[in-house]
Amino acid sequence: MSLKRTVVIGTSCSGKTTFALKLAQLLRVQHIELDSLNWLPDWKSRTNEEFRTIVEKAVSADEWVTDGNYSKTRDIVWSRATAFVWLNYSFPVVLSRAFSRTIRRIFDSEVLFSGNRETFRMSFLSRDSILLWVLKTYHRRQREYPRLLSEFQSRDVEIQVFRTPAEAEKFLSQVEKENRVTLQ
């Protein structure tokens, strides 16, 4: 299995960044968080051109793990991938994670990308709510990812699909064991 350049996908709040960061640490490779490359202060997105340029430079490295669902850079990132991990969790799991993460970030006043923070108003009373975004995109991702990933099945690309957090954790444990053996 070649995890040399791994793309971690899944609906918003599925745990992509947490999983990708752990995997990158285990593999001792760079972690590329697409959200941190996209967001500017005051929750402004970079222009498509600027974002694509930054992402192209980031994934030009030989080894990395990246996470994110940005269709505007998918061609750049996915064309370099040697592996995909899809965190394909149930809607109740994702919604529960979205809600608990949002509440934690609000009460902890957690600083996110470019100094941005989630607020109660933004999270619960706005059209830009992450919770609303999860509701809008969950089923779309369930439909589009099998089709998109099928295009890579004929190539020499590893595709892992995890339906539960326990499956994902088991995979990370296996990667950890394999790397311990390799490093000794």
Protein backbone atom coordinates (compact mmCIF):
# COMPACT_ATOMS: atom_id res chain seq x y z
CA MET A 1 0.00 0.00 0.00
CA SER A 2 1.44 3.34 -1.02
CA LEU A 3 0.38 6.15 1.27
CA LYS A 4 3.03 8.42 -0.21
CA ARG A 5 0.47 11.07 -1.23
CA THR A 6 -2.82 10.47 0.55
CA VAL A 7 -6.02 12.45 0.13
CA VAL A 8 -8.48 12.27 3.05
CA ILE A 9 -12.05 13.09 2.08
CA GLY A 10 -15.45 13.02 3.74
CA THR A 11 -18.30 15.31 4.51
CA SER A 12 -17.66 18.37 6.65
CA CYS A 13 -17.18 17.48 10.34
CA SER A 14 -16.41 13.82 9.65
CA GLY A 15 -12.95 14.22 11.20
CA LYS A 16 -10.83 14.58 8.07
CA THR A 17 -8.29 16.98 9.55
CA THR A 18 -7.82 15.01 12.76
CA PHE A 19 -7.40 11.76 10.82
CA ALA A 20 -5.09 13.33 8.21
CA LEU A 21 -2.88 14.92 10.87
CA LYS A 22 -2.52 11.60 12.73
CA LEU A 23 -1.74 9.76 9.49
CA ALA A 24 0.84 12.36 8.44
CA GLN A 25 2.53 12.13 11.84
CA LEU A 26 2.66 8.33 11.66
CA LEU A 27 4.09 8.46 8.14
CA ARG A 28 6.41 11.37 9.01
CA VAL A 29 5.20 13.39 6.04
CA GLN A 30 3.76 16.87 5.58
CA HIS A 31 0.11 17.48 6.48
CA ILE A 32 -1.66 19.86 4.10
CA GLU A 33 -4.95 21.21 5.43
CA LEU A 34 -6.81 22.76 2.52
CA ASP A 35 -9.04 24.83 4.82
CA SER A 36 -6.00 26.59 6.24
CA LEU A 37 -4.80 27.39 2.72
CA ASN A 38 -8.19 28.71 1.62
CA TRP A 39 -9.46 30.88 4.50
CA LEU A 40 -8.36 34.45 5.03
CA PRO A 41 -9.35 36.68 8.00
CA ASP A 42 -13.06 37.40 8.44
CA TRP A 43 -13.94 34.08 6.79
CA LYS A 44 -13.06 35.32 3.31
CA SER A 45 -12.00 32.72 0.76
CA ARG A 46 -8.96 33.21 -1.42
CA THR A 47 -9.65 33.77 -5.09
CA ASN A 48 -9.76 30.55 -7.10
CA GLU A 49 -6.58 31.49 -8.92
CA GLU A 50 -4.65 32.27 -5.73
CA PHE A 51 -5.96 29.15 -3.95
CA ARG A 52 -5.09 26.89 -6.88
CA THR A 53 -1.57 28.32 -7.06
CA ILE A 54 -0.96 27.76 -3.34
CA VAL A 55 -2.38 24.24 -3.44
CA GLU A 56 -0.37 23.34 -6.54
CA LYS A 57 2.83 24.39 -4.78
CA ALA A 58 1.91 22.48 -1.61
CA VAL A 59 1.15 19.19 -3.38
CA SER A 60 4.22 19.40 -5.61
CA ALA A 61 6.13 17.80 -2.72
CA ASP A 62 6.84 14.10 -3.06
CA GLU A 63 5.10 13.01 0.15
CA TRP A 64 2.08 14.41 1.98
CA VAL A 65 -1.33 13.78 3.48
CA THR A 66 -4.01 16.31 2.64
CA ASP A 67 -7.60 16.80 3.72
CA GLY A 68 -10.46 18.76 2.26
CA ASN A 69 -13.38 18.69 -0.14
CA TYR A 70 -12.55 21.55 -2.47
CA SER A 71 -13.78 20.77 -5.98
CA LYS A 72 -11.95 23.85 -7.28
CA THR A 73 -8.59 22.18 -6.56
CA ARG A 74 -9.61 18.53 -6.92
CA ASP A 75 -7.90 18.14 -10.30
CA ILE A 76 -4.60 19.36 -8.85
CA VAL A 77 -4.66 17.32 -5.64
CA TRP A 78 -6.30 14.12 -6.83
CA SER A 79 -4.11 13.77 -9.93
CA ARG A 80 -1.04 13.42 -7.65
CA ALA A 81 -2.63 11.02 -5.17
CA THR A 82 -1.33 7.54 -4.52
CA ALA A 83 -4.09 6.80 -1.99
CA PHE A 84 -7.52 8.00 -0.91
CA VAL A 85 -9.18 7.63 2.47
CA TRP A 86 -12.90 8.31 2.56
CA LEU A 87 -14.36 8.83 6.03
CA ASN A 88 -17.82 7.66 4.98
CA TYR A 89 -19.57 7.86 8.33
CA SER A 90 -23.31 7.76 8.96
CA PHE A 91 -25.31 10.96 9.08
CA PRO A 92 -25.96 10.70 12.86
CA VAL A 93 -22.22 10.36 13.55
CA VAL A 94 -21.34 13.35 11.36
CA LEU A 95 -24.13 15.55 12.71
CA SER A 96 -23.20 14.69 16.28
CA ARG A 97 -19.56 15.54 15.59
CA ALA A 98 -20.57 18.78 13.89
CA PHE A 99 -22.70 19.87 16.81
CA SER A 100 -20.19 18.95 19.54
CA ARG A 101 -17.25 20.44 17.64
CA THR A 102 -19.15 23.67 17.02
CA ILE A 103 -20.21 24.01 20.66
CA ARG A 104 -16.62 23.32 21.83
CA ARG A 105 -15.16 25.85 19.42
CA ILE A 106 -17.66 28.53 20.46
CA PHE A 107 -17.17 28.08 24.20
CA ASP A 108 -13.38 27.69 23.96
CA SER A 109 -13.18 30.62 21.53
CA GLU A 110 -10.87 28.41 19.48
CA VAL A 111 -8.78 30.24 16.91
CA LEU A 112 -9.03 28.65 13.49
CA PHE A 113 -7.56 29.54 10.11
CA SER A 114 -6.22 33.11 9.79
CA GLY A 115 -7.48 34.04 13.23
CA ASN A 116 -11.11 33.16 12.47
CA ARG A 117 -13.43 31.87 15.17
CA GLU A 118 -16.81 30.19 15.09
CA THR A 119 -19.48 32.18 16.91
CA PHE A 120 -22.94 31.29 18.16
CA ARG A 121 -24.49 33.65 15.66
CA MET A 122 -22.51 32.31 12.72
CA SER A 123 -23.05 28.68 13.73
CA PHE A 124 -26.74 28.76 14.58
CA LEU A 125 -28.27 31.91 13.08
CA SER A 126 -26.50 32.29 9.74
CA ARG A 127 -26.83 30.95 6.24
CA ASP A 128 -23.09 30.26 6.49
CA SER A 129 -23.60 27.89 9.45
CA ILE A 130 -21.36 24.83 9.42
CA LEU A 131 -24.32 22.85 10.74
CA LEU A 132 -26.46 23.96 7.82
CA TRP A 133 -23.57 23.18 5.48
CA VAL A 134 -23.44 19.60 6.82
CA LEU A 135 -27.17 19.23 6.24
CA LYS A 136 -26.84 20.57 2.68
CA THR A 137 -23.79 18.56 1.60
CA TYR A 138 -23.90 15.20 3.40
CA HIS A 139 -26.13 13.37 0.91
CA ARG A 140 -24.47 15.04 -2.07
CA ARG A 141 -21.07 13.71 -0.95
CA GLN A 142 -22.60 10.24 -0.49
CA ARG A 143 -23.68 10.32 -4.14
CA GLU A 144 -20.62 11.95 -5.71
CA TYR A 145 -17.67 10.23 -3.99
CA PRO A 146 -18.34 6.69 -5.27
CA ARG A 147 -18.51 8.04 -8.83
CA LEU A 148 -15.41 10.21 -8.43
CA LEU A 149 -13.37 7.48 -6.76
CA SER A 150 -14.37 4.90 -9.39
CA GLU A 151 -12.29 6.87 -11.89
CA PHE A 152 -9.18 5.92 -9.89
CA GLN A 153 -9.88 2.20 -9.47
CA SER A 154 -8.19 1.34 -12.76
CA ARG A 155 -5.06 3.23 -11.74
CA ASP A 156 -2.57 1.97 -9.19
CA VAL A 157 -4.21 3.98 -6.40
CA GLU A 158 -5.17 2.64 -2.97
CA ILE A 159 -8.73 3.46 -1.91
CA GLN A 160 -9.81 2.96 1.70
CA VAL A 161 -13.40 3.58 2.78
CA PHE A 162 -14.19 3.66 6.49
CA ARG A 163 -17.79 3.54 7.62
CA THR A 164 -17.09 3.96 11.33
CA PRO A 165 -14.54 5.85 13.43
CA ALA A 166 -13.46 2.47 14.84
CA GLU A 167 -12.48 1.27 11.34
CA ALA A 168 -10.45 4.44 10.81
CA GLU A 169 -8.69 4.03 14.17
CA LYS A 170 -7.89 0.39 13.37
CA PHE A 171 -6.31 1.52 10.10
CA LEU A 172 -4.19 4.13 11.89
CA SER A 173 -3.05 1.47 14.40
CA GLN A 174 -2.03 -0.78 11.51
CA VAL A 175 -0.08 2.05 9.86
CA GLU A 176 1.64 2.72 13.18
CA LYS A 177 2.65 -0.95 13.54
CA GLU A 178 3.93 -1.12 9.97
CA ASN A 179 5.99 2.03 10.40
CA ARG A 180 7.51 0.81 13.65
CA VAL A 181 8.71 -2.32 11.86
CA THR A 182 10.01 -0.29 8.91
CA LEU A 183 11.89 2.17 11.13
CA GLN A 184 13.69 -0.46 13.19
